[in-house]
Amino acid sequence: MSLDAVSLVAGIGAGFSMIPLGKLLFRALTVSVEDECSVVVTYFGKIVRIISDPGLNFLPAKILPWSKVREVSRQLDFRRYESIQINDSRGTTLLIDLWIELKILAPEKALFAVADWEKSLQSLLVSAAIANLGFQEFGAILLRRNELGESIRRDLTTETSRWGISLERVFISNLGLLPDVAQQLFDTVAAGLERTKANIEESGRLKAVMLEAATSAEVSALVTEAKGQYSLAVGRAYHKLAPNPQLLDAYNELYELSLLKPHRTVSFHGFKSGEIAAVDAAMIGAEHSHAMGPLLAERENGAFASAE
């Protein structure tokens, strides 16, 4: 291989090796800023420049050892804090989960105004939750979740604004109870339902009794009225029969006969009025029945014999 060929290959190899080196040098001297992001440049810990416009920026001082570049996102972000224990107004221990939407407005404050805004925000959030929910009952917290979340956000806004952070929304995403407290609550609700059921059943029973009594009273009034109408009808019938004495006497006789009970009545014919007293007639009827007893028995036996 000739010297020229070796030089050509070496030149090509050196050219290709310069590409990664140039890329590294380009990255060392420039800063790329994404949309909704900011870059904070500091010299010896002092802020000298804040770049918020998206794009490529030439920054030769970036390679200096005392220079430091920090990237801060200004996009809408969220945090979720789970199982925060608080006590309501009745002393019941609750477990709540809080959902927070936030946005960094001032990157320099978020970096240097507070040592660690994540931990500070969590501490403030717990305090605000206790202050706003500690005077509420469990049922009220369930019904006013959005309102109470907004109240917590307003309490935190003053403090977080000093850190360059804007709280967009605070929402109570979950609300629970400790297992033993939940069981006690369920038992209380079950007892209340049983008591309500018993009250409804007793109220229904009393209403049914009152309705039955009212119905009986109405029926009695109607029966009484009907009986009165019967008496009036009989009176009108007698009034119509009064002009005809013979028909009235015949009706009275028939009515008296209808009152007689055949199985308890003994009738005597052939006696004139005053010839026999009622007591004598009764005694005669008794003796006659005793005398006729054997004859009737004989007739019955004969009837049975003939039947055989």
C-alpha atoms as a PDB file:
ATOM      1  CA  MET A   1       0.000   0.000   0.000  1.00  0.00           C
ATOM      2  CA  SER A   2       1.399   3.367  -0.979  1.00  0.00           C
ATOM      3  CA  LEU A   3       1.930   6.284   1.387  1.00  0.00           C
ATOM      4  CA  ASP A   4      -0.822   8.294  -0.281  1.00  0.00           C
ATOM      5  CA  ALA A   5      -3.383   5.583   0.292  1.00  0.00           C
ATOM      6  CA  VAL A   6      -2.434   5.335   3.941  1.00  0.00           C
ATOM      7  CA  SER A   7      -2.753   9.073   4.313  1.00  0.00           C
ATOM      8  CA  LEU A   8      -6.170   8.998   2.651  1.00  0.00           C
ATOM      9  CA  VAL A   9      -7.479   6.286   4.963  1.00  0.00           C
ATOM     10  CA  ALA A  10      -6.078   8.064   7.994  1.00  0.00           C
ATOM     11  CA  GLY A  11      -7.709  11.300   6.889  1.00  0.00           C
ATOM     12  CA  ILE A  12     -11.064   9.630   6.411  1.00  0.00           C
ATOM     13  CA  GLY A  13     -10.820   7.944   9.814  1.00  0.00           C
ATOM     14  CA  ALA A  14      -9.881  11.232  11.459  1.00  0.00           C
ATOM     15  CA  GLY A  15     -12.825  12.919   9.756  1.00  0.00           C
ATOM     16  CA  PHE A  16     -15.273  10.336  11.016  1.00  0.00           C
ATOM     17  CA  SER A  17     -13.846  10.560  14.517  1.00  0.00           C
ATOM     18  CA  MET A  18     -14.440  14.303  14.528  1.00  0.00           C
ATOM     19  CA  ILE A  19     -18.216  13.826  14.125  1.00  0.00           C
ATOM     20  CA  PRO A  20     -18.859  12.539  17.699  1.00  0.00           C
ATOM     21  CA  LEU A  21     -16.411  15.079  19.021  1.00  0.00           C
ATOM     22  CA  GLY A  22     -18.231  17.868  17.199  1.00  0.00           C
ATOM     23  CA  LYS A  23     -21.528  16.585  18.522  1.00  0.00           C
ATOM     24  CA  LEU A  24     -20.249  16.602  22.066  1.00  0.00           C
ATOM     25  CA  LEU A  25     -18.842  20.091  21.588  1.00  0.00           C
ATOM     26  CA  PHE A  26     -22.161  21.297  20.144  1.00  0.00           C
ATOM     27  CA  ARG A  27     -24.060  19.957  23.138  1.00  0.00           C
ATOM     28  CA  ALA A  28     -21.541  21.530  25.513  1.00  0.00           C
ATOM     29  CA  LEU A  29     -21.946  25.000  23.981  1.00  0.00           C
ATOM     30  CA  THR A  30     -25.759  25.031  23.411  1.00  0.00           C
ATOM     31  CA  VAL A  31     -28.902  24.632  25.457  1.00  0.00           C
ATOM     32  CA  SER A  32     -32.165  23.212  24.047  1.00  0.00           C
ATOM     33  CA  VAL A  33     -35.310  24.472  25.757  1.00  0.00           C
ATOM     34  CA  GLU A  34     -38.531  22.478  25.388  1.00  0.00           C
ATOM     35  CA  ASP A  35     -41.986  23.997  25.219  1.00  0.00           C
ATOM     36  CA  GLU A  36     -43.438  24.848  28.657  1.00  0.00           C
ATOM     37  CA  CYS A  37     -39.984  24.507  30.213  1.00  0.00           C
ATOM     38  CA  SER A  38     -37.397  26.931  31.566  1.00  0.00           C
ATOM     39  CA  VAL A  39     -33.617  26.740  31.979  1.00  0.00           C
ATOM     40  CA  VAL A  40     -31.966  28.502  34.910  1.00  0.00           C
ATOM     41  CA  VAL A  41     -28.254  29.299  34.523  1.00  0.00           C
ATOM     42  CA  THR A  42     -26.186  30.049  37.622  1.00  0.00           C
ATOM     43  CA  TYR A  43     -22.576  31.099  38.198  1.00  0.00           C
ATOM     44  CA  PHE A  44     -21.255  30.160  41.628  1.00  0.00           C
ATOM     45  CA  GLY A  45     -24.884  29.598  42.731  1.00  0.00           C
ATOM     46  CA  LYS A  46     -26.089  32.988  41.529  1.00  0.00           C
ATOM     47  CA  ILE A  47     -28.772  33.221  38.884  1.00  0.00           C
ATOM     48  CA  VAL A  48     -27.431  34.958  35.805  1.00  0.00           C
ATOM     49  CA  ARG A  49     -29.978  33.947  33.174  1.00  0.00           C
ATOM     50  CA  ILE A  50     -33.394  32.358  32.835  1.00  0.00           C
ATOM     51  CA  ILE A  51     -34.305  31.006  29.399  1.00  0.00           C
ATOM     52  CA  SER A  52     -38.041  30.346  28.926  1.00  0.00           C
ATOM     53  CA  ASP A  53     -38.419  30.639  25.147  1.00  0.00           C
ATOM     54  CA  PRO A  54     -38.428  27.225  23.467  1.00  0.00           C
ATOM     55  CA  GLY A  55     -35.674  26.502  20.969  1.00  0.00           C
ATOM     56  CA  LEU A  56     -31.885  26.242  20.691  1.00  0.00           C
ATOM     57  CA  ASN A  57     -29.739  28.753  22.594  1.00  0.00           C
ATOM     58  CA  PHE A  58     -25.954  29.244  22.248  1.00  0.00           C
ATOM     59  CA  LEU A  59     -24.393  29.243  25.721  1.00  0.00           C
ATOM     60  CA  PRO A  60     -20.580  28.949  25.670  1.00  0.00           C
ATOM     61  CA  ALA A  61     -20.307  29.597  29.404  1.00  0.00           C
ATOM     62  CA  LYS A  62     -22.006  26.252  29.973  1.00  0.00           C
ATOM     63  CA  ILE A  63     -18.645  24.486  29.789  1.00  0.00           C
ATOM     64  CA  LEU A  64     -17.176  26.569  32.601  1.00  0.00           C
ATOM     65  CA  PRO A  65     -16.757  24.635  35.845  1.00  0.00           C
ATOM     66  CA  TRP A  66     -18.576  27.276  37.941  1.00  0.00           C
ATOM     67  CA  SER A  67     -21.548  27.288  35.576  1.00  0.00           C
ATOM     68  CA  LYS A  68     -24.574  25.126  36.243  1.00  0.00           C
ATOM     69  CA  VAL A  69     -27.710  24.679  34.157  1.00  0.00           C
ATOM     70  CA  ARG A  70     -30.996  23.520  35.736  1.00  0.00           C
ATOM     71  CA  GLU A  71     -34.097  22.625  33.725  1.00  0.00           C
ATOM     72  CA  VAL A  72     -37.503  23.257  35.317  1.00  0.00           C
ATOM     73  CA  SER A  73     -40.809  22.089  33.811  1.00  0.00           C
ATOM     74  CA  ARG A  74     -43.643  24.610  33.735  1.00  0.00           C
ATOM     75  CA  GLN A  75     -46.221  22.080  32.536  1.00  0.00           C
ATOM     76  CA  LEU A  76     -49.341  21.243  34.493  1.00  0.00           C
ATOM     77  CA  ASP A  77     -48.390  18.470  36.893  1.00  0.00           C
ATOM     78  CA  PHE A  78     -50.132  16.503  39.608  1.00  0.00           C
ATOM     79  CA  ARG A  79     -49.367  14.926  42.934  1.00  0.00           C
ATOM     80  CA  ARG A  80     -51.348  12.331  44.841  1.00  0.00           C
ATOM     81  CA  TYR A  81     -51.087  11.967  48.601  1.00  0.00           C
ATOM     82  CA  GLU A  82     -52.686   8.793  49.935  1.00  0.00           C
ATOM     83  CA  SER A  83     -53.924   7.537  53.329  1.00  0.00           C
ATOM     84  CA  ILE A  84     -53.819  10.846  55.211  1.00  0.00           C
ATOM     85  CA  GLN A  85     -55.347  10.190  58.644  1.00  0.00           C
ATOM     86  CA  ILE A  86     -57.615  12.831  60.161  1.00  0.00           C
ATOM     87  CA  ASN A  87     -60.418  12.847  62.735  1.00  0.00           C
ATOM     88  CA  ASP A  88     -63.828  14.318  61.999  1.00  0.00           C
ATOM     89  CA  SER A  89     -65.917  16.349  64.453  1.00  0.00           C
ATOM     90  CA  ARG A  90     -67.108  13.145  66.195  1.00  0.00           C
ATOM     91  CA  GLY A  91     -63.608  11.737  66.583  1.00  0.00           C
ATOM     92  CA  THR A  92     -63.969   9.138  63.821  1.00  0.00           C
ATOM     93  CA  THR A  93     -60.624   8.363  62.157  1.00  0.00           C
ATOM     94  CA  LEU A  94     -60.805   8.892  58.398  1.00  0.00           C
ATOM     95  CA  LEU A  95     -58.400   7.966  55.616  1.00  0.00           C
ATOM     96  CA  ILE A  96     -58.376  10.425  52.733  1.00  0.00           C
ATOM     97  CA  ASP A  97     -56.536  10.629  49.421  1.00  0.00           C
ATOM     98  CA  LEU A  98     -55.869  14.099  47.980  1.00  0.00           C
ATOM     99  CA  TRP A  99     -55.267  14.836  44.313  1.00  0.00           C
ATOM    100  CA  ILE A 100     -53.426  18.095  43.550  1.00  0.00           C
ATOM    101  CA  GLU A 101     -52.895  19.762  40.197  1.00  0.00           C
ATOM    102  CA  LEU A 102     -50.105  22.348  40.217  1.00  0.00           C
ATOM    103  CA  LYS A 103     -47.980  24.457  37.911  1.00  0.00           C
ATOM    104  CA  ILE A 104     -44.601  26.167  38.417  1.00  0.00           C
ATOM    105  CA  LEU A 105     -44.847  29.826  37.445  1.00  0.00           C
ATOM    106  CA  ALA A 106     -41.472  31.089  38.703  1.00  0.00           C
ATOM    107  CA  PRO A 107     -38.702  28.491  38.251  1.00  0.00           C
ATOM    108  CA  GLU A 108     -36.139  30.517  40.229  1.00  0.00           C
ATOM    109  CA  LYS A 109     -38.433  30.569  43.291  1.00  0.00           C
ATOM    110  CA  ALA A 110     -39.229  26.864  43.022  1.00  0.00           C
ATOM    111  CA  LEU A 111     -35.489  26.134  43.032  1.00  0.00           C
ATOM    112  CA  PHE A 112     -34.216  28.543  45.658  1.00  0.00           C
ATOM    113  CA  ALA A 113     -37.138  29.980  47.704  1.00  0.00           C
ATOM    114  CA  VAL A 114     -37.674  26.650  49.509  1.00  0.00           C
ATOM    115  CA  ALA A 115     -35.275  23.790  50.155  1.00  0.00           C
ATOM    116  CA  ASP A 116     -37.694  21.036  49.058  1.00  0.00           C
ATOM    117  CA  TRP A 117     -41.106  22.235  47.979  1.00  0.00           C
ATOM    118  CA  GLU A 118     -42.394  18.640  47.569  1.00  0.00           C
ATOM    119  CA  LYS A 119     -41.998  17.825  51.275  1.00  0.00           C
ATOM    120  CA  SER A 120     -43.092  21.311  52.339  1.00  0.00           C
ATOM    121  CA  LEU A 121     -46.244  21.036  50.216  1.00  0.00           C
ATOM    122  CA  GLN A 122     -47.115  17.659  51.733  1.00  0.00           C
ATOM    123  CA  SER A 123     -46.709  19.024  55.262  1.00  0.00           C
ATOM    124  CA  LEU A 124     -48.864  22.069  54.518  1.00  0.00           C
ATOM    125  CA  LEU A 125     -51.445  19.892  52.819  1.00  0.00           C
ATOM    126  CA  VAL A 126     -51.891  17.656  55.856  1.00  0.00           C
ATOM    127  CA  SER A 127     -52.269  20.695  58.135  1.00  0.00           C
ATOM    128  CA  ALA A 128     -54.825  22.327  55.833  1.00  0.00           C
ATOM    129  CA  ALA A 129     -56.794  19.075  55.520  1.00  0.00           C
ATOM    130  CA  ILE A 130     -57.003  18.700  59.298  1.00  0.00           C
ATOM    131  CA  ALA A 131     -58.022  22.350  59.698  1.00  0.00           C
ATOM    132  CA  ASN A 132     -60.796  22.135  57.098  1.00  0.00           C
ATOM    133  CA  LEU A 133     -62.102  18.602  57.645  1.00  0.00           C
ATOM    134  CA  GLY A 134     -61.634  18.244  61.391  1.00  0.00           C
ATOM    135  CA  PHE A 135     -64.795  20.268  62.125  1.00  0.00           C
ATOM    136  CA  GLN A 136     -66.959  18.357  59.638  1.00  0.00           C
ATOM    137  CA  GLU A 137     -68.899  15.124  60.084  1.00  0.00           C
ATOM    138  CA  PHE A 138     -68.261  12.120  57.873  1.00  0.00           C
ATOM    139  CA  GLY A 139     -71.512  12.566  55.954  1.00  0.00           C
ATOM    140  CA  ALA A 140     -70.878  16.275  55.377  1.00  0.00           C
ATOM    141  CA  ILE A 141     -67.414  15.521  53.990  1.00  0.00           C
ATOM    142  CA  LEU A 142     -68.922  13.063  51.516  1.00  0.00           C
ATOM    143  CA  LEU A 143     -71.488  15.595  50.340  1.00  0.00           C
ATOM    144  CA  ARG A 144     -69.117  18.600  50.185  1.00  0.00           C
ATOM    145  CA  ARG A 145     -65.960  17.060  48.732  1.00  0.00           C
ATOM    146  CA  ASN A 146     -65.543  19.651  45.973  1.00  0.00           C
ATOM    147  CA  GLU A 147     -66.255  22.583  48.275  1.00  0.00           C
ATOM    148  CA  LEU A 148     -63.842  21.356  50.943  1.00  0.00           C
ATOM    149  CA  GLY A 149     -61.148  20.685  48.340  1.00  0.00           C
ATOM    150  CA  GLU A 150     -61.475  24.261  47.102  1.00  0.00           C
ATOM    151  CA  SER A 151     -61.200  25.510  50.688  1.00  0.00           C
ATOM    152  CA  ILE A 152     -57.954  23.560  51.151  1.00  0.00           C
ATOM    153  CA  ARG A 153     -56.600  25.017  47.891  1.00  0.00           C
ATOM    154  CA  ARG A 154     -57.317  28.592  49.043  1.00  0.00           C
ATOM    155  CA  ASP A 155     -55.515  27.963  52.329  1.00  0.00           C
ATOM    156  CA  LEU A 156     -52.413  26.705  50.502  1.00  0.00           C
ATOM    157  CA  THR A 157     -52.352  29.300  47.731  1.00  0.00           C
ATOM    158  CA  THR A 158     -50.790  32.072  49.835  1.00  0.00           C
ATOM    159  CA  GLU A 159     -47.896  29.887  50.923  1.00  0.00           C
ATOM    160  CA  THR A 160     -47.237  28.164  47.585  1.00  0.00           C
ATOM    161  CA  SER A 161     -47.280  31.471  45.701  1.00  0.00           C
ATOM    162  CA  ARG A 162     -44.113  32.435  47.603  1.00  0.00           C
ATOM    163  CA  TRP A 163     -42.490  29.354  46.085  1.00  0.00           C
ATOM    164  CA  GLY A 164     -43.539  30.291  42.552  1.00  0.00           C
ATOM    165  CA  ILE A 165     -46.070  27.449  42.436  1.00  0.00           C
ATOM    166  CA  SER A 166     -49.727  27.803  41.503  1.00  0.00           C
ATOM    167  CA  LEU A 167     -52.231  25.254  42.825  1.00  0.00           C
ATOM    168  CA  GLU A 168     -54.824  24.733  40.112  1.00  0.00           C
ATOM    169  CA  ARG A 169     -57.030  22.209  41.901  1.00  0.00           C
ATOM    170  CA  VAL A 170     -57.278  20.190  45.115  1.00  0.00           C
ATOM    171  CA  PHE A 171     -59.681  17.269  45.072  1.00  0.00           C
ATOM    172  CA  ILE A 172     -60.602  14.666  47.701  1.00  0.00           C
ATOM    173  CA  SER A 173     -60.264  11.607  45.477  1.00  0.00           C
ATOM    174  CA  ASN A 174     -60.996   8.950  48.093  1.00  0.00           C
ATOM    175  CA  LEU A 175     -62.513   8.877  51.560  1.00  0.00           C
ATOM    176  CA  GLY A 176     -62.418   5.774  53.721  1.00  0.00           C
ATOM    177  CA  LEU A 177     -62.488   4.428  57.255  1.00  0.00           C
ATOM    178  CA  LEU A 178     -60.380   2.124  59.335  1.00  0.00           C
ATOM    179  CA  PRO A 179     -61.666  -1.482  59.220  1.00  0.00           C
ATOM    180  CA  ASP A 180     -62.981  -1.559  62.803  1.00  0.00           C
ATOM    181  CA  VAL A 181     -64.551   1.893  62.437  1.00  0.00           C
ATOM    182  CA  ALA A 182     -66.185   0.848  59.158  1.00  0.00           C
ATOM    183  CA  GLN A 183     -67.679  -2.247  60.846  1.00  0.00           C
ATOM    184  CA  GLN A 184     -69.090  -0.121  63.667  1.00  0.00           C
ATOM    185  CA  LEU A 185     -70.569   2.274  61.146  1.00  0.00           C
ATOM    186  CA  PHE A 186     -72.172  -0.567  59.199  1.00  0.00           C
ATOM    187  CA  ASP A 187     -73.638  -2.002  62.421  1.00  0.00           C
ATOM    188  CA  THR A 188     -75.075   1.415  63.295  1.00  0.00           C
ATOM    189  CA  VAL A 189     -76.632   1.780  59.863  1.00  0.00           C
ATOM    190  CA  ALA A 190     -78.086  -1.747  60.059  1.00  0.00           C
ATOM    191  CA  ALA A 191     -79.601  -1.017  63.473  1.00  0.00           C
ATOM    192  CA  GLY A 192     -81.110   2.205  62.136  1.00  0.00           C
ATOM    193  CA  LEU A 193     -82.635   0.337  59.199  1.00  0.00           C
ATOM    194  CA  GLU A 194     -84.126  -2.295  61.516  1.00  0.00           C
ATOM    195  CA  ARG A 195     -85.590   0.418  63.740  1.00  0.00           C
ATOM    196  CA  THR A 196     -87.067   2.204  60.733  1.00  0.00           C
ATOM    197  CA  LYS A 197     -88.513  -1.068  59.446  1.00  0.00           C
ATOM    198  CA  ALA A 198     -90.120  -1.782  62.842  1.00  0.00           C
ATOM    199  CA  ASN A 199     -91.595   1.738  62.964  1.00  0.00           C
ATOM    200  CA  ILE A 200     -93.055   1.341  59.473  1.00  0.00           C
ATOM    201  CA  GLU A 201     -94.549  -2.064  60.308  1.00  0.00           C
ATOM    202  CA  GLU A 202     -96.066  -0.764  63.557  1.00  0.00           C
ATOM    203  CA  SER A 203     -97.440   2.307  61.803  1.00  0.00           C
ATOM    204  CA  GLY A 204     -98.976   0.091  59.110  1.00  0.00           C
ATOM    205  CA  ARG A 205    -100.517  -2.217  61.704  1.00  0.00           C
ATOM    206  CA  LEU A 206    -102.071   0.712  63.581  1.00  0.00           C
ATOM    207  CA  LYS A 207    -103.427   2.171  60.342  1.00  0.00           C
ATOM    208  CA  ALA A 208    -104.922  -1.221  59.445  1.00  0.00           C
ATOM    209  CA  VAL A 209    -106.612  -1.478  62.867  1.00  0.00           C
ATOM    210  CA  MET A 210    -107.961   2.058  62.578  1.00  0.00           C
ATOM    211  CA  LEU A 211    -109.238   1.337  59.077  1.00  0.00           C
ATOM    212  CA  GLU A 212    -110.922  -1.861  60.286  1.00  0.00           C
ATOM    213  CA  ALA A 213    -112.538   0.016  63.178  1.00  0.00           C
ATOM    214  CA  ALA A 214    -113.741   2.784  60.858  1.00  0.00           C
ATOM    215  CA  THR A 215    -115.139   0.184  58.454  1.00  0.00           C
ATOM    216  CA  SER A 216    -116.945  -1.619  61.291  1.00  0.00           C
ATOM    217  CA  ALA A 217    -118.427   1.674  62.441  1.00  0.00           C
ATOM    218  CA  GLU A 218    -119.660   2.460  58.921  1.00  0.00           C
ATOM    219  CA  VAL A 219    -121.087  -1.053  58.524  1.00  0.00           C
ATOM    220  CA  SER A 220    -122.853  -0.814  61.902  1.00  0.00           C
ATOM    221  CA  ALA A 221    -124.354   2.516  60.913  1.00  0.00           C
ATOM    222  CA  LEU A 222    -125.555   1.052  57.623  1.00  0.00           C
ATOM    223  CA  VAL A 223    -127.014  -2.048  59.367  1.00  0.00           C
ATOM    224  CA  THR A 224    -128.785   0.152  61.906  1.00  0.00           C
ATOM    225  CA  GLU A 225    -130.181   2.290  59.128  1.00  0.00           C
ATOM    226  CA  ALA A 226    -131.306  -0.840  57.271  1.00  0.00           C
ATOM    227  CA  LYS A 227    -133.077  -2.176  60.363  1.00  0.00           C
ATOM    228  CA  GLY A 228    -134.786   1.180  60.777  1.00  0.00           C
ATOM    229  CA  GLN A 229    -135.915   1.044  57.157  1.00  0.00           C
ATOM    230  CA  TYR A 230    -137.368  -2.442  57.804  1.00  0.00           C
ATOM    231  CA  SER A 231    -139.446  -1.153  60.706  1.00  0.00           C
ATOM    232  CA  LEU A 232    -140.610   1.778  58.594  1.00  0.00           C
ATOM    233  CA  ALA A 233    -141.541  -0.601  55.775  1.00  0.00           C
ATOM    234  CA  VAL A 234    -143.560  -2.787  58.174  1.00  0.00           C
ATOM    235  CA  GLY A 235    -145.264   0.329  59.507  1.00  0.00           C
ATOM    236  CA  ARG A 236    -146.163   1.426  55.983  1.00  0.00           C
ATOM    237  CA  ALA A 237    -147.538  -2.086  55.273  1.00  0.00           C
ATOM    238  CA  TYR A 238    -149.756  -1.982  58.413  1.00  0.00           C
ATOM    239  CA  HIS A 239    -150.924   1.471  57.411  1.00  0.00           C
ATOM    240  CA  LYS A 240    -152.032   0.137  54.038  1.00  0.00           C
ATOM    241  CA  LEU A 241    -153.753  -2.888  55.661  1.00  0.00           C
ATOM    242  CA  ALA A 242    -155.610  -0.785  58.234  1.00  0.00           C
ATOM    243  CA  PRO A 243    -158.575   0.054  55.912  1.00  0.00           C
ATOM    244  CA  ASN A 244    -159.226  -3.727  55.449  1.00  0.00           C
ATOM    245  CA  PRO A 245    -159.735  -5.273  58.936  1.00  0.00           C
ATOM    246  CA  GLN A 246    -160.238  -8.838  57.680  1.00  0.00           C
ATOM    247  CA  LEU A 247    -157.007  -8.799  55.707  1.00  0.00           C
ATOM    248  CA  LEU A 248    -155.200  -7.275  58.706  1.00  0.00           C
ATOM    249  CA  ASP A 249    -156.551  -9.992  61.059  1.00  0.00           C
ATOM    250  CA  ALA A 250    -155.521 -12.709  58.620  1.00  0.00           C
ATOM    251  CA  TYR A 251    -152.035 -11.240  58.375  1.00  0.00           C
ATOM    252  CA  ASN A 252    -151.717 -11.038  62.169  1.00  0.00           C
ATOM    253  CA  GLU A 253    -152.830 -14.661  62.511  1.00  0.00           C
ATOM    254  CA  LEU A 254    -150.313 -15.773  59.931  1.00  0.00           C
ATOM    255  CA  TYR A 255    -147.626 -13.754  61.674  1.00  0.00           C
ATOM    256  CA  GLU A 256    -148.448 -15.379  65.037  1.00  0.00           C
ATOM    257  CA  LEU A 257    -148.342 -18.824  63.462  1.00  0.00           C
ATOM    258  CA  SER A 258    -144.985 -18.030  61.903  1.00  0.00           C
ATOM    259  CA  LEU A 259    -143.618 -17.357  65.372  1.00  0.00           C
ATOM    260  CA  LEU A 260    -144.525 -20.850  66.538  1.00  0.00           C
ATOM    261  CA  LYS A 261    -141.819 -23.498  66.540  1.00  0.00           C
ATOM    262  CA  PRO A 262    -143.317 -26.772  65.292  1.00  0.00           C
ATOM    263  CA  HIS A 263    -140.888 -29.054  67.136  1.00  0.00           C
ATOM    264  CA  ARG A 264    -141.745 -27.388  70.426  1.00  0.00           C
ATOM    265  CA  THR A 265    -145.509 -26.893  69.976  1.00  0.00           C
ATOM    266  CA  VAL A 266    -148.427 -29.215  70.926  1.00  0.00           C
ATOM    267  CA  SER A 267    -151.792 -28.377  69.431  1.00  0.00           C
ATOM    268  CA  PHE A 268    -155.159 -29.513  70.871  1.00  0.00           C
ATOM    269  CA  HIS A 269    -158.335 -29.528  68.821  1.00  0.00           C
ATOM    270  CA  GLY A 270    -161.912 -30.199  69.918  1.00  0.00           C
ATOM    271  CA  PHE A 271    -161.825 -28.258  73.161  1.00  0.00           C
ATOM    272  CA  LYS A 272    -163.779 -25.140  73.703  1.00  0.00           C
ATOM    273  CA  SER A 273    -162.416 -22.109  75.397  1.00  0.00           C
ATOM    274  CA  GLY A 274    -162.202 -22.593  79.188  1.00  0.00           C
ATOM    275  CA  GLU A 275    -162.702 -26.357  79.145  1.00  0.00           C
ATOM    276  CA  ILE A 276    -159.049 -27.210  79.817  1.00  0.00           C
ATOM    277  CA  ALA A 277    -156.214 -25.228  81.304  1.00  0.00           C
ATOM    278  CA  ALA A 278    -152.780 -24.957  79.768  1.00  0.00           C
ATOM    279  CA  VAL A 279    -151.195 -26.982  82.607  1.00  0.00           C
ATOM    280  CA  ASP A 280    -153.723 -29.806  82.162  1.00  0.00           C
ATOM    281  CA  ALA A 281    -153.164 -29.807  78.466  1.00  0.00           C
ATOM    282  CA  ALA A 282    -149.421 -30.146  79.034  1.00  0.00           C
ATOM    283  CA  MET A 283    -149.938 -33.064  81.453  1.00  0.00           C
ATOM    284  CA  ILE A 284    -152.275 -34.774  79.038  1.00  0.00           C
ATOM    285  CA  GLY A 285    -149.715 -34.388  76.304  1.00  0.00           C
ATOM    286  CA  ALA A 286    -147.029 -35.975  78.507  1.00  0.00           C
ATOM    287  CA  GLU A 287    -149.280 -38.943  79.498  1.00  0.00           C
ATOM    288  CA  HIS A 288    -150.326 -39.428  75.905  1.00  0.00           C
ATOM    289  CA  SER A 289    -146.711 -39.568  74.824  1.00  0.00           C
ATOM    290  CA  HIS A 290    -145.936 -42.196  77.513  1.00  0.00           C
ATOM    291  CA  ALA A 291    -148.912 -44.284  76.454  1.00  0.00           C
ATOM    292  CA  MET A 292    -148.065 -44.069  72.828  1.00  0.00           C
ATOM    293  CA  GLY A 293    -144.436 -45.016  73.495  1.00  0.00           C
ATOM    294  CA  PRO A 294    -144.888 -48.874  73.495  1.00  0.00           C
ATOM    295  CA  LEU A 295    -147.190 -48.659  70.480  1.00  0.00           C
ATOM    296  CA  LEU A 296    -144.675 -46.667  68.553  1.00  0.00           C
ATOM    297  CA  ALA A 297    -141.903 -49.080  69.585  1.00  0.00           C
ATOM    298  CA  GLU A 298    -144.035 -52.051  68.451  1.00  0.00           C
ATOM    299  CA  ARG A 299    -144.685 -50.368  65.128  1.00  0.00           C
ATOM    300  CA  GLU A 300    -141.005 -49.709  64.728  1.00  0.00           C
ATOM    301  CA  ASN A 301    -140.131 -53.340  65.533  1.00  0.00           C
ATOM    302  CA  GLY A 302    -142.725 -54.524  63.059  1.00  0.00           C
ATOM    303  CA  ALA A 303    -141.292 -52.246  60.462  1.00  0.00           C
ATOM    304  CA  PHE A 304    -137.838 -53.658  61.085  1.00  0.00           C
ATOM    305  CA  ALA A 305    -139.160 -57.283  60.984  1.00  0.00           C
ATOM    306  CA  SER A 306    -140.962 -56.685  57.723  1.00  0.00           C
ATOM    307  CA  ALA A 307    -137.840 -55.116  56.366  1.00  0.00           C
ATOM    308  CA  GLU A 308    -135.903 -58.276  57.251  1.00  0.00           C
END
